[in-house]
Amino acid sequence: MDRPYELGDNEIHLAFAVDDFDAAYKKHKEMGCICFENPSMGIYFIEDPDGYWLEIVPGK
């Protein structure tokens, strides 16, 4: 793609369940891409290069 995509006004996001939440969190923290954390819910969000938020949740 030659330009960032337009996020528009849509209030949806993708969520990914990860098998090793602690390892994923550590990796994303090192990458500096965590944009929001909610420890009470046990989730966090990372931001892609175009500003789209991706939710990371613990697997089963």
Protein backbone atom coordinates (compact mmCIF):
# COMPACT_ATOMS: atom_id res chain seq x y z
CA MET A 1 0.00 0.00 0.00
CA ASP A 2 1.34 3.42 -0.89
CA ARG A 3 -0.45 5.34 1.92
CA PRO A 4 -1.99 4.71 5.34
CA TYR A 5 -5.51 3.31 5.29
CA GLU A 6 -8.39 5.42 6.58
CA LEU A 7 -9.76 4.20 9.90
CA GLY A 8 -13.00 6.13 9.55
CA ASP A 9 -15.53 6.40 12.36
CA ASN A 10 -15.99 2.69 12.88
CA GLU A 11 -15.66 1.75 16.55
CA ILE A 12 -14.49 -1.83 16.01
CA HIS A 13 -11.13 -3.46 16.64
CA LEU A 14 -9.48 -6.84 16.39
CA ALA A 15 -8.66 -8.93 19.43
CA PHE A 16 -6.04 -11.66 19.59
CA ALA A 17 -5.95 -14.37 22.25
CA VAL A 18 -2.36 -15.37 22.96
CA ASP A 19 -1.13 -18.60 24.52
CA ASP A 20 1.64 -16.93 26.51
CA PHE A 21 0.26 -13.56 27.60
CA ASP A 22 3.30 -12.65 29.72
CA ALA A 23 5.73 -13.31 26.85
CA ALA A 24 3.56 -11.36 24.40
CA TYR A 25 3.32 -8.44 26.83
CA LYS A 26 7.09 -8.42 27.36
CA LYS A 27 7.76 -8.48 23.61
CA HIS A 28 5.27 -5.71 22.87
CA LYS A 29 6.62 -3.60 25.75
CA GLU A 30 10.15 -3.97 24.33
CA MET A 31 8.83 -2.97 20.89
CA GLY A 32 7.20 0.13 22.38
CA CYS A 33 3.87 -0.51 20.66
CA ILE A 34 1.58 -0.80 23.72
CA CYS A 35 -0.82 2.14 23.55
CA PHE A 36 -3.28 1.25 26.32
CA GLU A 37 -3.27 -1.12 29.28
CA ASN A 38 -6.14 -2.27 31.46
CA PRO A 39 -4.59 -4.46 34.18
CA SER A 40 -7.89 -4.88 36.02
CA MET A 41 -9.34 -6.58 32.93
CA GLY A 42 -6.07 -8.37 32.12
CA ILE A 43 -5.81 -6.91 28.61
CA TYR A 44 -3.79 -4.38 26.66
CA PHE A 45 -3.77 -2.86 23.20
CA ILE A 46 -0.98 -2.41 20.70
CA GLU A 47 -1.04 0.13 17.89
CA ASP A 48 -0.15 -0.74 14.32
CA PRO A 49 1.83 1.72 12.14
CA ASP A 50 -1.40 3.25 10.80
CA GLY A 51 -2.86 3.88 14.25
CA TYR A 52 -5.23 0.92 14.42
CA TRP A 53 -5.58 -0.62 17.91
CA LEU A 54 -5.27 -4.39 18.34
CA GLU A 55 -6.43 -5.93 21.60
CA ILE A 56 -4.32 -8.63 23.23
CA VAL A 57 -6.11 -10.99 25.62
CA PRO A 58 -4.95 -14.11 27.46
CA GLY A 59 -5.80 -17.41 25.81
CA LYS A 60 -7.75 -20.07 27.61
